[in-house]
């Protein structure tokens, strides 16, 4: 199982990558052991993940997302957050 992920950096930019373990990979980026891009930036949080059955499909999707402009990436992130929020149980007051 592979995951495509987007990480938000402190300057507001996004880093896109693939991994088999999102938490481990995020910690590597946080500790400056990740990619070159994130070693020069402070990573803030994982803002998007997507599951793939194999490395090939994850790499194809990663390349697709990396080719997008910022606005399209934000739309992907926002759409996912909206779907997730709809499925959360309502809090009792």
Protein backbone atom coordinates (compact mmCIF):
# COMPACT_ATOMS: atom_id res chain seq x y z
CA UNK A 1 0.00 0.00 0.00
CA UNK A 2 1.36 3.42 -0.99
CA UNK A 3 0.20 6.92 -0.15
CA UNK A 4 0.48 10.19 -2.02
CA UNK A 5 0.72 13.05 0.47
CA UNK A 6 0.91 16.83 0.55
CA UNK A 7 2.74 18.63 3.32
CA UNK A 8 2.26 22.30 4.07
CA UNK A 9 5.48 24.23 4.72
CA UNK A 10 5.86 27.30 6.95
CA UNK A 11 6.12 29.60 3.91
CA UNK A 12 2.70 28.36 2.72
CA UNK A 13 4.10 26.17 -0.06
CA UNK A 14 3.20 22.51 -0.51
CA UNK A 15 5.44 19.48 -0.92
CA UNK A 16 4.05 16.40 -2.67
CA UNK A 17 5.52 12.92 -2.22
CA UNK A 18 4.80 9.21 -1.90
CA UNK A 19 5.46 6.78 0.94
CA UNK A 20 4.29 3.57 2.56
CA UNK A 21 4.10 5.25 5.98
CA UNK A 22 2.87 8.86 6.11
CA UNK A 23 3.64 9.45 9.80
CA UNK A 24 7.21 8.15 9.48
CA UNK A 25 7.82 10.17 6.33
CA UNK A 26 6.42 13.36 7.87
CA UNK A 27 8.78 12.93 10.83
CA UNK A 28 11.69 12.47 8.43
CA UNK A 29 10.76 15.74 6.74
CA UNK A 30 10.40 17.43 10.14
CA UNK A 31 13.87 16.24 11.15
CA UNK A 32 15.34 17.42 7.82
CA UNK A 33 15.94 13.85 6.65
CA UNK A 34 13.31 14.07 3.90
CA UNK A 35 13.61 15.56 0.43
CA UNK A 36 15.83 18.50 -0.51
CA UNK A 37 12.85 20.85 -0.71
CA UNK A 38 11.67 20.24 2.84
CA UNK A 39 15.19 20.22 4.29
CA UNK A 40 15.34 23.96 3.55
CA UNK A 41 11.79 24.65 4.76
CA UNK A 42 10.00 24.04 8.03
CA UNK A 43 7.21 21.53 7.52
CA UNK A 44 3.96 22.30 9.33
CA UNK A 45 1.49 19.47 8.76
CA UNK A 46 0.20 16.83 6.39
CA UNK A 47 -2.77 18.40 4.61
CA UNK A 48 -3.73 15.58 2.24
CA UNK A 49 -3.26 11.84 1.80
CA UNK A 50 -4.48 9.46 -0.85
CA UNK A 51 -4.15 5.66 -0.80
CA UNK A 52 -2.86 3.67 -3.80
CA UNK A 53 -2.56 -0.09 -4.31
CA UNK A 54 0.99 0.05 -5.73
CA UNK A 55 4.04 2.25 -6.23
CA UNK A 56 3.36 2.76 -9.92
CA UNK A 57 -0.09 4.31 -9.46
CA UNK A 58 1.19 6.45 -6.57
CA UNK A 59 4.08 7.78 -8.68
CA UNK A 60 1.72 8.63 -11.53
CA UNK A 61 -0.63 10.50 -9.21
CA UNK A 62 2.29 12.29 -7.52
CA UNK A 63 3.52 13.50 -10.91
CA UNK A 64 0.01 14.66 -11.81
CA UNK A 65 -0.43 16.65 -8.58
CA UNK A 66 3.09 18.13 -8.83
CA UNK A 67 2.19 19.50 -12.27
CA UNK A 68 -0.78 21.42 -10.85
CA UNK A 69 -0.78 25.08 -9.92
CA UNK A 70 -1.27 26.04 -6.28
CA UNK A 71 -4.98 26.85 -6.71
CA UNK A 72 -5.79 23.36 -7.96
CA UNK A 73 -3.87 21.80 -5.04
CA UNK A 74 -5.82 23.99 -2.61
CA UNK A 75 -9.09 22.87 -4.23
CA UNK A 76 -8.08 19.24 -3.72
CA UNK A 77 -7.22 19.87 -0.06
CA UNK A 78 -10.41 21.87 0.59
CA UNK A 79 -12.64 19.31 -1.13
CA UNK A 80 -11.17 16.57 1.04
CA UNK A 81 -11.62 18.61 4.22
CA UNK A 82 -15.24 19.31 3.32
CA UNK A 83 -15.97 15.61 2.71
CA UNK A 84 -14.28 14.66 5.98
CA UNK A 85 -16.22 17.29 7.94
CA UNK A 86 -19.53 15.97 6.60
CA UNK A 87 -18.77 12.50 7.98
CA UNK A 88 -17.76 13.60 11.47
CA UNK A 89 -20.34 13.08 14.21
CA UNK A 90 -21.88 16.28 15.50
CA UNK A 91 -20.85 17.38 18.95
CA UNK A 92 -23.45 17.46 21.67
CA UNK A 93 -23.77 20.77 23.45
